[in-house]
N, C-alpha and C. Protein backbone atom coordinates (compact mmCIF):
# COMPACT_ATOMS: atom_id res chain seq x y z
N MET A 1 35.59 1.99 36.41
CA MET A 1 36.03 1.21 35.38
C MET A 1 34.93 1.08 34.28
N PRO A 2 35.14 1.67 33.09
CA PRO A 2 34.10 1.69 32.12
C PRO A 2 33.66 0.26 31.44
N PHE A 3 34.65 -0.62 31.49
CA PHE A 3 34.44 -1.93 30.75
C PHE A 3 34.38 -3.08 31.84
N ALA A 4 33.94 -2.76 33.03
CA ALA A 4 33.91 -3.88 34.01
C ALA A 4 32.93 -4.88 33.83
N VAL A 5 33.15 -6.09 33.98
CA VAL A 5 32.22 -7.17 33.86
C VAL A 5 31.55 -7.50 35.18
N PRO A 6 30.27 -7.63 35.27
CA PRO A 6 29.63 -7.89 36.56
C PRO A 6 30.27 -9.09 37.22
N ARG A 7 30.17 -9.06 38.60
CA ARG A 7 30.78 -10.06 39.35
C ARG A 7 30.50 -11.52 38.98
N GLY A 8 29.24 -11.80 38.56
CA GLY A 8 28.93 -13.14 38.28
C GLY A 8 29.39 -13.61 36.84
N GLY A 9 30.24 -12.70 36.22
CA GLY A 9 30.76 -12.96 34.83
C GLY A 9 29.80 -12.58 33.86
N PRO A 10 30.09 -12.83 32.58
CA PRO A 10 29.19 -12.27 31.48
C PRO A 10 27.87 -13.01 31.58
N GLU A 11 26.83 -12.27 31.04
CA GLU A 11 25.46 -12.89 31.08
C GLU A 11 25.49 -13.97 30.12
N PRO A 12 24.84 -15.07 30.47
CA PRO A 12 24.75 -16.29 29.57
C PRO A 12 24.04 -15.92 28.33
N GLN A 13 24.43 -16.38 27.19
CA GLN A 13 23.78 -16.14 25.93
C GLN A 13 22.68 -17.20 25.76
N PRO A 14 21.63 -16.86 25.12
CA PRO A 14 20.56 -17.80 24.91
C PRO A 14 21.00 -18.94 23.94
N ALA A 15 20.61 -20.10 24.14
CA ALA A 15 20.96 -21.22 23.32
C ALA A 15 20.30 -20.99 21.94
N PRO A 16 20.93 -21.41 20.88
CA PRO A 16 20.52 -21.05 19.46
C PRO A 16 19.00 -21.39 19.25
N ASP A 17 18.55 -22.47 19.87
CA ASP A 17 17.17 -22.97 19.78
C ASP A 17 16.20 -22.52 20.77
N SER A 18 16.57 -21.47 21.59
CA SER A 18 15.73 -21.01 22.70
C SER A 18 14.48 -20.40 22.19
N ASP A 19 13.50 -20.37 22.99
CA ASP A 19 12.16 -19.66 22.70
C ASP A 19 12.33 -18.22 22.36
N GLU A 20 13.35 -17.61 23.09
CA GLU A 20 13.57 -16.25 22.85
C GLU A 20 14.17 -15.98 21.46
N VAL A 21 15.07 -16.76 21.00
CA VAL A 21 15.70 -16.67 19.65
C VAL A 21 14.52 -16.87 18.67
N ARG A 22 13.76 -17.98 18.82
CA ARG A 22 12.74 -18.11 17.89
C ARG A 22 11.70 -17.07 17.86
N ALA A 23 11.41 -16.45 18.96
CA ALA A 23 10.47 -15.32 19.02
C ALA A 23 11.12 -14.14 18.26
N LEU A 24 12.34 -13.90 18.43
CA LEU A 24 13.06 -12.77 17.75
C LEU A 24 13.13 -13.00 16.29
N ARG A 25 13.32 -14.19 15.89
CA ARG A 25 13.32 -14.50 14.42
C ARG A 25 11.99 -14.21 13.81
N GLU A 26 10.95 -14.64 14.49
CA GLU A 26 9.57 -14.60 13.99
C GLU A 26 9.24 -13.01 13.93
N GLU A 27 9.61 -12.23 14.95
CA GLU A 27 9.33 -10.85 14.96
C GLU A 27 10.06 -10.11 13.73
N ALA A 28 11.34 -10.52 13.60
CA ALA A 28 12.06 -9.95 12.47
C ALA A 28 11.40 -10.30 11.09
N GLU A 29 10.99 -11.44 10.97
CA GLU A 29 10.30 -11.84 9.69
C GLU A 29 9.03 -11.00 9.52
N GLN A 30 8.23 -10.86 10.60
CA GLN A 30 6.92 -9.99 10.55
C GLN A 30 7.32 -8.61 10.12
N LEU A 31 8.37 -8.10 10.77
CA LEU A 31 8.85 -6.68 10.38
C LEU A 31 9.26 -6.52 8.92
N ARG A 32 9.96 -7.44 8.42
CA ARG A 32 10.31 -7.46 7.00
C ARG A 32 9.05 -7.49 6.11
N HIS A 33 8.10 -8.36 6.39
CA HIS A 33 6.87 -8.44 5.75
C HIS A 33 6.18 -7.01 5.79
N ALA A 34 6.13 -6.40 6.98
CA ALA A 34 5.41 -5.15 7.08
C ALA A 34 6.05 -4.00 6.32
N VAL A 35 7.30 -4.05 6.27
CA VAL A 35 8.00 -3.05 5.51
C VAL A 35 7.80 -3.26 4.02
N HIS A 36 7.83 -4.43 3.60
CA HIS A 36 7.46 -4.73 2.17
C HIS A 36 6.04 -4.24 1.86
N SER A 37 5.13 -4.61 2.67
CA SER A 37 3.66 -4.23 2.46
C SER A 37 3.54 -2.75 2.51
N HIS A 38 4.23 -2.10 3.39
CA HIS A 38 4.10 -0.57 3.49
C HIS A 38 4.61 0.00 2.27
N ALA A 39 5.74 -0.47 1.69
CA ALA A 39 6.26 0.16 0.50
C ALA A 39 5.33 -0.02 -0.72
N ALA A 40 4.64 -1.21 -0.74
CA ALA A 40 3.73 -1.54 -1.91
C ALA A 40 2.53 -0.52 -1.72
N VAL A 41 1.98 -0.32 -0.57
CA VAL A 41 0.83 0.58 -0.33
C VAL A 41 1.29 2.08 -0.67
N ASP A 42 2.44 2.47 -0.26
CA ASP A 42 2.91 3.81 -0.64
C ASP A 42 2.96 4.00 -2.12
N GLN A 43 3.49 2.93 -2.83
CA GLN A 43 3.56 3.06 -4.27
C GLN A 43 2.24 3.09 -4.86
N ALA A 44 1.31 2.26 -4.41
CA ALA A 44 -0.07 2.31 -4.91
C ALA A 44 -0.77 3.61 -4.69
N ILE A 45 -0.50 4.24 -3.62
CA ILE A 45 -1.06 5.53 -3.29
C ILE A 45 -0.54 6.54 -4.40
N GLY A 46 0.67 6.30 -4.85
CA GLY A 46 1.27 7.22 -5.93
C GLY A 46 0.47 7.02 -7.18
N VAL A 47 0.22 5.68 -7.41
CA VAL A 47 -0.58 5.33 -8.77
C VAL A 47 -1.85 5.96 -8.72
N VAL A 48 -2.57 5.93 -7.56
CA VAL A 48 -3.93 6.46 -7.49
C VAL A 48 -3.86 8.00 -7.57
N ILE A 49 -2.89 8.58 -6.89
CA ILE A 49 -2.71 10.12 -7.04
C ILE A 49 -2.57 10.46 -8.49
N ALA A 50 -1.66 9.69 -9.19
CA ALA A 50 -1.39 10.09 -10.63
C ALA A 50 -2.60 9.88 -11.47
N ARG A 51 -3.30 8.74 -11.27
CA ARG A 51 -4.60 8.42 -12.04
C ARG A 51 -5.69 9.32 -11.81
N GLY A 52 -5.88 9.70 -10.52
CA GLY A 52 -7.10 10.42 -10.21
C GLY A 52 -6.81 11.91 -9.81
N GLY A 53 -5.65 12.41 -9.74
CA GLY A 53 -5.41 13.72 -9.44
C GLY A 53 -5.84 14.08 -8.06
N LEU A 54 -5.69 13.16 -7.15
CA LEU A 54 -6.21 13.19 -5.79
C LEU A 54 -5.03 13.53 -4.77
N SER A 55 -5.44 13.94 -3.50
CA SER A 55 -4.45 14.17 -2.52
C SER A 55 -4.00 12.84 -1.97
N PRO A 56 -2.86 12.81 -1.26
CA PRO A 56 -2.48 11.49 -0.70
C PRO A 56 -3.54 10.90 0.21
N GLN A 57 -4.20 11.62 0.99
CA GLN A 57 -5.25 11.14 1.91
C GLN A 57 -6.47 10.55 1.07
N GLU A 58 -6.82 11.30 -0.01
CA GLU A 58 -7.83 10.72 -0.74
C GLU A 58 -7.55 9.44 -1.46
N ALA A 59 -6.32 9.43 -1.94
CA ALA A 59 -5.76 8.15 -2.59
C ALA A 59 -5.75 7.04 -1.61
N TRP A 60 -5.39 7.31 -0.40
CA TRP A 60 -5.41 6.26 0.72
C TRP A 60 -6.80 5.81 0.89
N ASP A 61 -7.76 6.75 1.02
CA ASP A 61 -9.20 6.35 1.09
C ASP A 61 -9.63 5.44 -0.01
N VAL A 62 -9.29 5.82 -1.34
CA VAL A 62 -9.69 5.09 -2.44
C VAL A 62 -9.11 3.64 -2.32
N LEU A 63 -7.84 3.50 -1.99
CA LEU A 63 -7.35 2.09 -1.86
C LEU A 63 -8.02 1.34 -0.75
N ARG A 64 -8.35 1.93 0.36
CA ARG A 64 -9.05 1.21 1.44
C ARG A 64 -10.42 0.85 0.98
N GLU A 65 -11.13 1.62 0.35
CA GLU A 65 -12.48 1.45 -0.23
C GLU A 65 -12.46 0.32 -1.20
N VAL A 66 -11.44 0.34 -2.07
CA VAL A 66 -11.39 -0.75 -3.07
C VAL A 66 -11.11 -2.07 -2.40
N SER A 67 -10.23 -2.06 -1.30
CA SER A 67 -9.91 -3.33 -0.60
C SER A 67 -11.23 -3.81 -0.02
N MET A 68 -11.90 -2.92 0.69
CA MET A 68 -13.05 -3.37 1.50
C MET A 68 -14.24 -3.87 0.59
N ARG A 69 -14.38 -3.12 -0.59
CA ARG A 69 -15.51 -3.42 -1.31
C ARG A 69 -15.38 -4.64 -2.29
N THR A 70 -14.06 -5.01 -2.50
CA THR A 70 -13.78 -6.18 -3.35
C THR A 70 -13.37 -7.40 -2.40
N HIS A 71 -13.39 -7.14 -1.18
CA HIS A 71 -13.00 -8.21 -0.22
C HIS A 71 -11.57 -8.71 -0.52
N THR A 72 -10.62 -7.83 -0.80
CA THR A 72 -9.26 -8.13 -1.18
C THR A 72 -8.34 -7.48 -0.10
N LYS A 73 -7.43 -8.14 0.33
CA LYS A 73 -6.46 -7.58 1.29
C LYS A 73 -5.82 -6.31 0.72
N LEU A 74 -5.69 -5.27 1.54
CA LEU A 74 -5.10 -3.95 1.05
C LEU A 74 -3.71 -4.20 0.48
N ARG A 75 -2.90 -5.04 0.99
CA ARG A 75 -1.55 -5.36 0.44
C ARG A 75 -1.69 -5.89 -0.92
N VAL A 76 -2.65 -6.80 -1.18
CA VAL A 76 -2.83 -7.44 -2.52
C VAL A 76 -3.37 -6.36 -3.54
N VAL A 77 -4.27 -5.58 -3.10
CA VAL A 77 -4.75 -4.46 -3.95
C VAL A 77 -3.57 -3.56 -4.36
N ALA A 78 -2.78 -3.18 -3.35
CA ALA A 78 -1.63 -2.38 -3.64
C ALA A 78 -0.58 -2.96 -4.68
N GLU A 79 -0.29 -4.26 -4.41
CA GLU A 79 0.69 -4.93 -5.24
C GLU A 79 0.14 -5.10 -6.72
N GLN A 80 -1.24 -5.36 -6.81
CA GLN A 80 -1.76 -5.42 -8.14
C GLN A 80 -1.83 -4.06 -8.86
N LEU A 81 -2.07 -2.93 -8.11
CA LEU A 81 -2.03 -1.74 -8.71
C LEU A 81 -0.71 -1.32 -9.25
N VAL A 82 0.34 -1.64 -8.42
CA VAL A 82 1.71 -1.37 -8.78
C VAL A 82 2.16 -2.09 -10.07
N ALA A 83 1.78 -3.42 -10.12
CA ALA A 83 2.06 -4.29 -11.19
C ALA A 83 1.28 -3.83 -12.46
N TRP A 84 0.08 -3.32 -12.24
CA TRP A 84 -0.78 -2.80 -13.35
C TRP A 84 -0.07 -1.80 -14.22
N VAL A 85 0.67 -0.88 -13.51
CA VAL A 85 1.44 0.16 -14.25
C VAL A 85 2.38 -0.42 -15.36
N GLN A 86 2.99 -1.47 -14.90
CA GLN A 86 4.00 -2.19 -15.75
C GLN A 86 3.35 -3.10 -16.79
N THR A 87 2.32 -3.84 -16.41
CA THR A 87 1.75 -4.95 -17.13
C THR A 87 0.47 -4.54 -17.91
N ALA A 88 -0.23 -3.53 -17.45
CA ALA A 88 -1.56 -3.13 -17.96
C ALA A 88 -2.50 -4.21 -17.74
N GLU A 89 -2.33 -4.98 -16.76
CA GLU A 89 -3.23 -6.04 -16.33
C GLU A 89 -3.75 -5.78 -14.93
N LEU A 90 -5.03 -5.78 -14.74
CA LEU A 90 -5.68 -5.49 -13.43
C LEU A 90 -6.97 -6.36 -13.50
N PRO A 91 -7.23 -7.16 -12.45
CA PRO A 91 -8.45 -7.86 -12.34
C PRO A 91 -9.61 -6.99 -12.61
N PRO A 92 -10.69 -7.42 -13.37
CA PRO A 92 -11.81 -6.55 -13.73
C PRO A 92 -12.44 -6.06 -12.51
N VAL A 93 -12.55 -6.88 -11.36
CA VAL A 93 -13.29 -6.42 -10.22
C VAL A 93 -12.58 -5.24 -9.57
N LEU A 94 -11.22 -5.27 -9.52
CA LEU A 94 -10.43 -4.18 -8.97
C LEU A 94 -10.56 -2.95 -9.91
N ARG A 95 -10.42 -3.20 -11.19
CA ARG A 95 -10.52 -1.95 -12.24
C ARG A 95 -11.88 -1.28 -11.99
N ALA A 96 -12.94 -2.13 -12.02
CA ALA A 96 -14.23 -1.47 -11.84
C ALA A 96 -14.42 -0.74 -10.63
N GLU A 97 -13.97 -1.28 -9.51
CA GLU A 97 -14.14 -0.56 -8.25
C GLU A 97 -13.19 0.62 -8.16
N LEU A 98 -12.06 0.56 -8.66
CA LEU A 98 -11.14 1.76 -8.74
C LEU A 98 -11.73 2.80 -9.49
N GLU A 99 -12.33 2.55 -10.64
CA GLU A 99 -12.91 3.57 -11.47
C GLU A 99 -14.16 4.15 -10.79
N ARG A 100 -14.95 3.34 -10.09
CA ARG A 100 -16.09 3.71 -9.38
C ARG A 100 -15.77 4.74 -8.22
N GLN A 101 -14.67 4.41 -7.50
CA GLN A 101 -14.16 5.26 -6.38
C GLN A 101 -13.63 6.48 -7.00
N LEU A 102 -12.90 6.53 -8.03
CA LEU A 102 -12.41 7.79 -8.68
C LEU A 102 -13.49 8.55 -9.16
N ALA A 103 -14.56 8.07 -9.76
CA ALA A 103 -15.65 8.70 -10.26
C ALA A 103 -16.43 9.42 -9.07
N LEU A 104 -16.56 8.62 -7.93
CA LEU A 104 -17.11 9.33 -6.77
C LEU A 104 -16.47 10.49 -6.25
N ARG A 105 -15.05 10.34 -6.19
CA ARG A 105 -14.26 11.47 -5.76
C ARG A 105 -14.37 12.73 -6.73
N ARG A 106 -14.46 12.39 -8.04
CA ARG A 106 -14.63 13.53 -8.99
C ARG A 106 -15.98 14.26 -8.74
N GLU A 107 -17.00 13.42 -8.51
CA GLU A 107 -18.32 13.98 -8.25
C GLU A 107 -18.24 14.94 -7.00
N GLU A 108 -17.50 14.46 -5.98
CA GLU A 108 -17.44 15.17 -4.68
C GLU A 108 -16.66 16.47 -4.97
N HIS A 109 -15.67 16.48 -5.78
CA HIS A 109 -14.88 17.66 -6.15
C HIS A 109 -15.77 18.66 -6.95
N ASP A 110 -16.51 18.05 -7.79
CA ASP A 110 -17.32 18.87 -8.65
C ASP A 110 -18.42 19.54 -7.90
N ALA A 111 -18.99 18.91 -6.91
CA ALA A 111 -20.04 19.43 -6.06
C ALA A 111 -19.55 20.31 -5.02
N GLY A 112 -18.21 20.33 -4.71
CA GLY A 112 -17.67 21.11 -3.58
C GLY A 112 -17.56 22.59 -3.98
N PRO A 113 -16.89 23.44 -3.10
CA PRO A 113 -16.64 24.73 -3.44
C PRO A 113 -15.70 24.96 -4.64
N VAL A 114 -15.96 26.02 -5.35
CA VAL A 114 -15.13 26.26 -6.52
C VAL A 114 -13.68 26.57 -6.06
N PRO A 115 -12.64 25.87 -6.55
CA PRO A 115 -11.22 26.06 -6.07
C PRO A 115 -10.76 27.45 -6.65
N SER A 116 -9.88 27.99 -6.07
CA SER A 116 -9.31 29.27 -6.46
C SER A 116 -8.30 29.09 -7.66
N SER A 117 -7.76 27.93 -7.78
CA SER A 117 -6.96 27.62 -8.90
C SER A 117 -7.70 26.72 -9.88
N SER A 118 -7.09 26.34 -11.07
CA SER A 118 -7.75 25.48 -12.02
C SER A 118 -7.75 24.05 -11.44
N PRO A 119 -8.83 23.34 -11.67
CA PRO A 119 -8.98 21.99 -11.09
C PRO A 119 -8.00 21.07 -11.69
N PRO A 120 -7.66 19.94 -10.98
CA PRO A 120 -6.74 18.99 -11.68
C PRO A 120 -7.36 18.37 -12.76
N ASP A 121 -6.43 17.95 -13.76
CA ASP A 121 -6.99 17.23 -14.93
C ASP A 121 -7.62 15.92 -14.43
N GLU A 122 -8.20 15.29 -15.42
CA GLU A 122 -8.79 13.99 -15.12
C GLU A 122 -7.92 12.87 -14.79
N GLY A 123 -6.62 13.13 -14.75
CA GLY A 123 -5.62 12.13 -14.38
C GLY A 123 -5.11 11.47 -15.52
N LEU A 124 -4.17 10.59 -15.41
CA LEU A 124 -3.56 9.78 -16.46
C LEU A 124 -4.53 8.81 -16.97
N PRO A 125 -4.54 8.52 -18.22
CA PRO A 125 -5.39 7.30 -18.69
C PRO A 125 -5.03 6.12 -18.08
N LEU A 126 -6.06 5.18 -18.00
CA LEU A 126 -5.83 3.85 -17.45
C LEU A 126 -4.89 3.13 -18.46
N PRO A 127 -3.94 2.26 -18.03
CA PRO A 127 -3.27 1.48 -18.99
C PRO A 127 -4.26 0.68 -19.84
N ALA A 128 -4.01 0.50 -21.13
CA ALA A 128 -4.76 -0.25 -22.04
C ALA A 128 -4.87 -1.66 -21.51
N ARG A 129 -6.02 -2.22 -21.78
CA ARG A 129 -6.27 -3.63 -21.44
C ARG A 129 -5.44 -4.47 -22.38
N SER A 130 -4.88 -5.59 -21.89
CA SER A 130 -4.11 -6.47 -22.79
C SER A 130 -5.01 -7.79 -22.98
N ASP A 131 -4.72 -8.51 -23.89
CA ASP A 131 -5.36 -9.70 -24.10
C ASP A 131 -5.38 -10.68 -22.93
N GLY A 132 -4.30 -10.54 -22.10
CA GLY A 132 -4.25 -11.50 -20.93
C GLY A 132 -4.76 -11.02 -19.67
N GLU A 133 -5.50 -9.91 -19.80
CA GLU A 133 -6.09 -9.34 -18.47
C GLU A 133 -7.07 -10.31 -17.94
N ARG A 134 -6.97 -10.39 -16.54
CA ARG A 134 -7.83 -11.32 -15.79
C ARG A 134 -8.91 -10.65 -15.22
């Protein structure tokens, strides 16, 4: 019988306020937060790729370095870089470290073996600073 119910009847459902339900709700919220953070990081990687002409791995390394060297959570750096594209506002400490990291990558590329194809351009210009930049 494919739809037989076990002899003891259906399994009891947890009470709405049970520890299991609370734990599942907390886990679901953590997963929602992780998905949002991951999307912001992926978008920020795209910003760094476009700005610096880097590979995805190099862009990830730049994001991680900017985060570590500015003592700013990676998620926050990512969110600010994504917002920067639309608002042209980026905290000076993040802007300076981003430019420093991109310059280091350019130096590494320049010192490396000569590529068989033409080198990538210097990337897109940084958005202009606005009067409200922090």
